[in-house]
Amino acid sequence: QVQLVESGGGLVQAGGSLRLSCAASGLSFSRYAMGWFRQAPGREREFVAAIKWSGSSTRYADSVQGRFTISRDNAKNTVILQMRRLKFEDTAVYYCAASRYDLRTPQDEDDYDYWGQGTQVTVSS
């Protein structure tokens, strides 16, 4: 059974930082591209960042480019989202996802096969 478990969310002031982690089990982690998505209240879920199976290629949404960094550790079956200079509009539930398209950095949620339950990030202004 595939499980993706996010952690690291919480409440932070604008301008601060948070580090989200996603621990994967039940799948051959290094054969999957990994992504982060988020959903704010009243809004659709949106792409945040993705990383190729090897970690050699990444993709970011324009809204987080230069502030967020995605990385992975295939030995630990973990993907990280380091978030810096957080803004009020970054407030959302953040989801980790795994995609079978390991050679790409997919940004369409339809390209993802497995999802975590999400972790809440709240940025106070």
C-alpha atoms as a PDB file:
ATOM      1  CA  GLN A   1       0.000   0.000   0.000  1.00  0.00           C
ATOM      2  CA  VAL A   2       1.407   3.343  -1.066  1.00  0.00           C
ATOM      3  CA  GLN A   3       1.571   6.024   1.590  1.00  0.00           C
ATOM      4  CA  LEU A   4       2.722   9.619   1.326  1.00  0.00           C
ATOM      5  CA  VAL A   5       2.850  11.394   4.653  1.00  0.00           C
ATOM      6  CA  GLU A   6       3.474  15.128   4.840  1.00  0.00           C
ATOM      7  CA  SER A   7       4.813  16.915   7.888  1.00  0.00           C
ATOM      8  CA  GLY A   8       6.254  20.279   8.843  1.00  0.00           C
ATOM      9  CA  GLY A   9       3.272  22.522   8.353  1.00  0.00           C
ATOM     10  CA  GLY A  10       2.250  25.128  10.890  1.00  0.00           C
ATOM     11  CA  LEU A  11       1.752  28.788  11.612  1.00  0.00           C
ATOM     12  CA  VAL A  12       4.444  31.276  10.605  1.00  0.00           C
ATOM     13  CA  GLN A  13       4.659  35.023  10.232  1.00  0.00           C
ATOM     14  CA  ALA A  14       4.999  36.593   6.826  1.00  0.00           C
ATOM     15  CA  GLY A  15       8.638  36.662   5.796  1.00  0.00           C
ATOM     16  CA  GLY A  16       9.402  33.506   7.717  1.00  0.00           C
ATOM     17  CA  SER A  17      10.348  30.013   6.598  1.00  0.00           C
ATOM     18  CA  LEU A  18       8.978  26.492   6.845  1.00  0.00           C
ATOM     19  CA  ARG A  19      10.306  23.137   5.725  1.00  0.00           C
ATOM     20  CA  LEU A  20       7.808  20.537   4.582  1.00  0.00           C
ATOM     21  CA  SER A  21       8.723  16.866   4.367  1.00  0.00           C
ATOM     22  CA  CYS A  22       6.989  14.003   2.618  1.00  0.00           C
ATOM     23  CA  ALA A  23       7.845  10.441   3.573  1.00  0.00           C
ATOM     24  CA  ALA A  24       6.949   7.813   0.986  1.00  0.00           C
ATOM     25  CA  SER A  25       6.434   4.088   1.460  1.00  0.00           C
ATOM     26  CA  GLY A  26       5.014   1.204  -0.529  1.00  0.00           C
ATOM     27  CA  LEU A  27       6.480   2.308  -3.868  1.00  0.00           C
ATOM     28  CA  SER A  28       9.812   2.318  -5.656  1.00  0.00           C
ATOM     29  CA  PHE A  29      10.452   5.921  -4.742  1.00  0.00           C
ATOM     30  CA  SER A  30      13.325   6.536  -7.147  1.00  0.00           C
ATOM     31  CA  ARG A  31      11.090   5.537 -10.067  1.00  0.00           C
ATOM     32  CA  TYR A  32       8.687   8.401  -9.461  1.00  0.00           C
ATOM     33  CA  ALA A  33       8.785  12.099 -10.049  1.00  0.00           C
ATOM     34  CA  MET A  34       7.532  13.956  -6.993  1.00  0.00           C
ATOM     35  CA  GLY A  35       5.508  17.097  -6.698  1.00  0.00           C
ATOM     36  CA  TRP A  36       3.975  19.520  -4.263  1.00  0.00           C
ATOM     37  CA  PHE A  37       0.566  21.094  -4.758  1.00  0.00           C
ATOM     38  CA  ARG A  38      -1.489  23.381  -2.557  1.00  0.00           C
ATOM     39  CA  GLN A  39      -5.108  24.317  -2.056  1.00  0.00           C
ATOM     40  CA  ALA A  40      -6.242  27.518  -0.415  1.00  0.00           C
ATOM     41  CA  PRO A  41      -9.774  27.930   0.969  1.00  0.00           C
ATOM     42  CA  GLY A  42     -12.267  28.463  -1.821  1.00  0.00           C
ATOM     43  CA  ARG A  43      -9.710  27.830  -4.533  1.00  0.00           C
ATOM     44  CA  GLU A  44      -8.726  24.938  -6.734  1.00  0.00           C
ATOM     45  CA  ARG A  45      -5.652  22.894  -6.000  1.00  0.00           C
ATOM     46  CA  GLU A  46      -2.612  24.317  -7.787  1.00  0.00           C
ATOM     47  CA  PHE A  47       0.855  23.180  -8.718  1.00  0.00           C
ATOM     48  CA  VAL A  48       3.752  24.377  -6.573  1.00  0.00           C
ATOM     49  CA  ALA A  49       6.885  22.419  -7.493  1.00  0.00           C
ATOM     50  CA  ALA A  50       8.074  19.144  -9.006  1.00  0.00           C
ATOM     51  CA  ILE A  51      11.303  17.189  -9.139  1.00  0.00           C
ATOM     52  CA  LYS A  52      12.514  14.496 -11.507  1.00  0.00           C
ATOM     53  CA  TRP A  53      13.332  11.031 -10.166  1.00  0.00           C
ATOM     54  CA  SER A  54      17.050  11.803 -10.037  1.00  0.00           C
ATOM     55  CA  GLY A  55      16.676  15.274  -8.611  1.00  0.00           C
ATOM     56  CA  SER A  56      18.515  16.687 -11.607  1.00  0.00           C
ATOM     57  CA  SER A  57      15.572  18.726 -12.841  1.00  0.00           C
ATOM     58  CA  THR A  58      12.993  20.823 -11.023  1.00  0.00           C
ATOM     59  CA  ARG A  59      10.046  22.999 -11.942  1.00  0.00           C
ATOM     60  CA  TYR A  60       8.284  25.735  -9.973  1.00  0.00           C
ATOM     61  CA  ALA A  61       5.138  27.746 -10.204  1.00  0.00           C
ATOM     62  CA  ASP A  62       5.841  31.384 -11.009  1.00  0.00           C
ATOM     63  CA  SER A  63       4.350  32.407  -7.670  1.00  0.00           C
ATOM     64  CA  VAL A  64       7.001  30.524  -5.677  1.00  0.00           C
ATOM     65  CA  GLN A  65      10.004  30.690  -8.000  1.00  0.00           C
ATOM     66  CA  GLY A  66      13.024  31.966  -6.109  1.00  0.00           C
ATOM     67  CA  ARG A  67      11.400  31.463  -2.691  1.00  0.00           C
ATOM     68  CA  PHE A  68      10.716  27.713  -2.564  1.00  0.00           C
ATOM     69  CA  THR A  69      13.142  24.849  -3.165  1.00  0.00           C
ATOM     70  CA  ILE A  70      12.187  21.243  -3.803  1.00  0.00           C
ATOM     71  CA  SER A  71      14.675  18.455  -3.158  1.00  0.00           C
ATOM     72  CA  ARG A  72      14.648  14.718  -2.614  1.00  0.00           C
ATOM     73  CA  ASP A  73      16.631  12.005  -0.902  1.00  0.00           C
ATOM     74  CA  ASN A  74      16.075   8.704  -2.664  1.00  0.00           C
ATOM     75  CA  ALA A  75      17.944   6.816   0.048  1.00  0.00           C
ATOM     76  CA  LYS A  76      15.411   8.040   2.605  1.00  0.00           C
ATOM     77  CA  ASN A  77      12.338   8.024   0.341  1.00  0.00           C
ATOM     78  CA  THR A  78      11.762  11.654   1.212  1.00  0.00           C
ATOM     79  CA  VAL A  79      10.956  14.819  -0.678  1.00  0.00           C
ATOM     80  CA  ILE A  80      11.407  18.243   0.881  1.00  0.00           C
ATOM     81  CA  LEU A  81       9.864  21.621   0.151  1.00  0.00           C
ATOM     82  CA  GLN A  82      11.879  24.428   1.710  1.00  0.00           C
ATOM     83  CA  MET A  83       9.771  27.571   1.813  1.00  0.00           C
ATOM     84  CA  ARG A  84      11.323  30.981   2.444  1.00  0.00           C
ATOM     85  CA  ARG A  85      10.021  34.561   2.479  1.00  0.00           C
ATOM     86  CA  LEU A  86       6.534  33.260   3.019  1.00  0.00           C
ATOM     87  CA  LYS A  87       3.598  35.457   2.116  1.00  0.00           C
ATOM     88  CA  PHE A  88       0.039  35.532   3.364  1.00  0.00           C
ATOM     89  CA  GLU A  89      -1.090  34.165   0.007  1.00  0.00           C
ATOM     90  CA  ASP A  90       0.997  31.027   0.555  1.00  0.00           C
ATOM     91  CA  THR A  91      -1.561  29.963   3.166  1.00  0.00           C
ATOM     92  CA  ALA A  92      -2.989  26.619   2.029  1.00  0.00           C
ATOM     93  CA  VAL A  93      -3.057  22.899   2.584  1.00  0.00           C
ATOM     94  CA  TYR A  94       0.060  21.486   0.951  1.00  0.00           C
ATOM     95  CA  TYR A  95      -0.016  18.071  -0.684  1.00  0.00           C
ATOM     96  CA  CYS A  96       2.778  15.761  -1.707  1.00  0.00           C
ATOM     97  CA  ALA A  97       2.238  13.624  -4.808  1.00  0.00           C
ATOM     98  CA  ALA A  98       4.031  10.907  -6.797  1.00  0.00           C
ATOM     99  CA  SER A  99       3.995  10.621 -10.585  1.00  0.00           C
ATOM    100  CA  ARG A 100       4.915   7.624 -12.716  1.00  0.00           C
ATOM    101  CA  TYR A 101       6.413  10.083 -15.248  1.00  0.00           C
ATOM    102  CA  ASP A 102       9.802   9.855 -13.564  1.00  0.00           C
ATOM    103  CA  LEU A 103      11.751  11.493 -16.414  1.00  0.00           C
ATOM    104  CA  ARG A 104       9.659  14.642 -16.248  1.00  0.00           C
ATOM    105  CA  THR A 105       8.609  17.315 -13.789  1.00  0.00           C
ATOM    106  CA  PRO A 106       4.853  17.211 -14.260  1.00  0.00           C
ATOM    107  CA  GLN A 107       2.720  20.144 -13.203  1.00  0.00           C
ATOM    108  CA  ASP A 108      -0.684  18.701 -14.117  1.00  0.00           C
ATOM    109  CA  GLU A 109      -2.289  16.931 -11.180  1.00  0.00           C
ATOM    110  CA  ASP A 110      -3.767  14.379 -13.579  1.00  0.00           C
ATOM    111  CA  ASP A 111      -0.214  13.127 -14.144  1.00  0.00           C
ATOM    112  CA  TYR A 112       0.116  12.137 -10.493  1.00  0.00           C
ATOM    113  CA  ASP A 113      -0.815   8.705  -9.241  1.00  0.00           C
ATOM    114  CA  TYR A 114      -0.568   8.959  -5.465  1.00  0.00           C
ATOM    115  CA  TRP A 115      -1.359  11.745  -3.002  1.00  0.00           C
ATOM    116  CA  GLY A 116      -0.762  12.474   0.629  1.00  0.00           C
ATOM    117  CA  GLN A 117      -3.366  13.762   3.051  1.00  0.00           C
ATOM    118  CA  GLY A 118      -1.912  17.244   3.198  1.00  0.00           C
ATOM    119  CA  THR A 119      -0.424  19.537   5.810  1.00  0.00           C
ATOM    120  CA  GLN A 120      -1.720  22.986   6.711  1.00  0.00           C
ATOM    121  CA  VAL A 121       0.496  26.019   6.231  1.00  0.00           C
ATOM    122  CA  THR A 122      -0.803  29.275   7.655  1.00  0.00           C
ATOM    123  CA  VAL A 123       1.052  32.528   7.109  1.00  0.00           C
ATOM    124  CA  SER A 124      -0.001  35.443   9.269  1.00  0.00           C
ATOM    125  CA  SER A 125       0.275  38.909   7.810  1.00  0.00           C
END
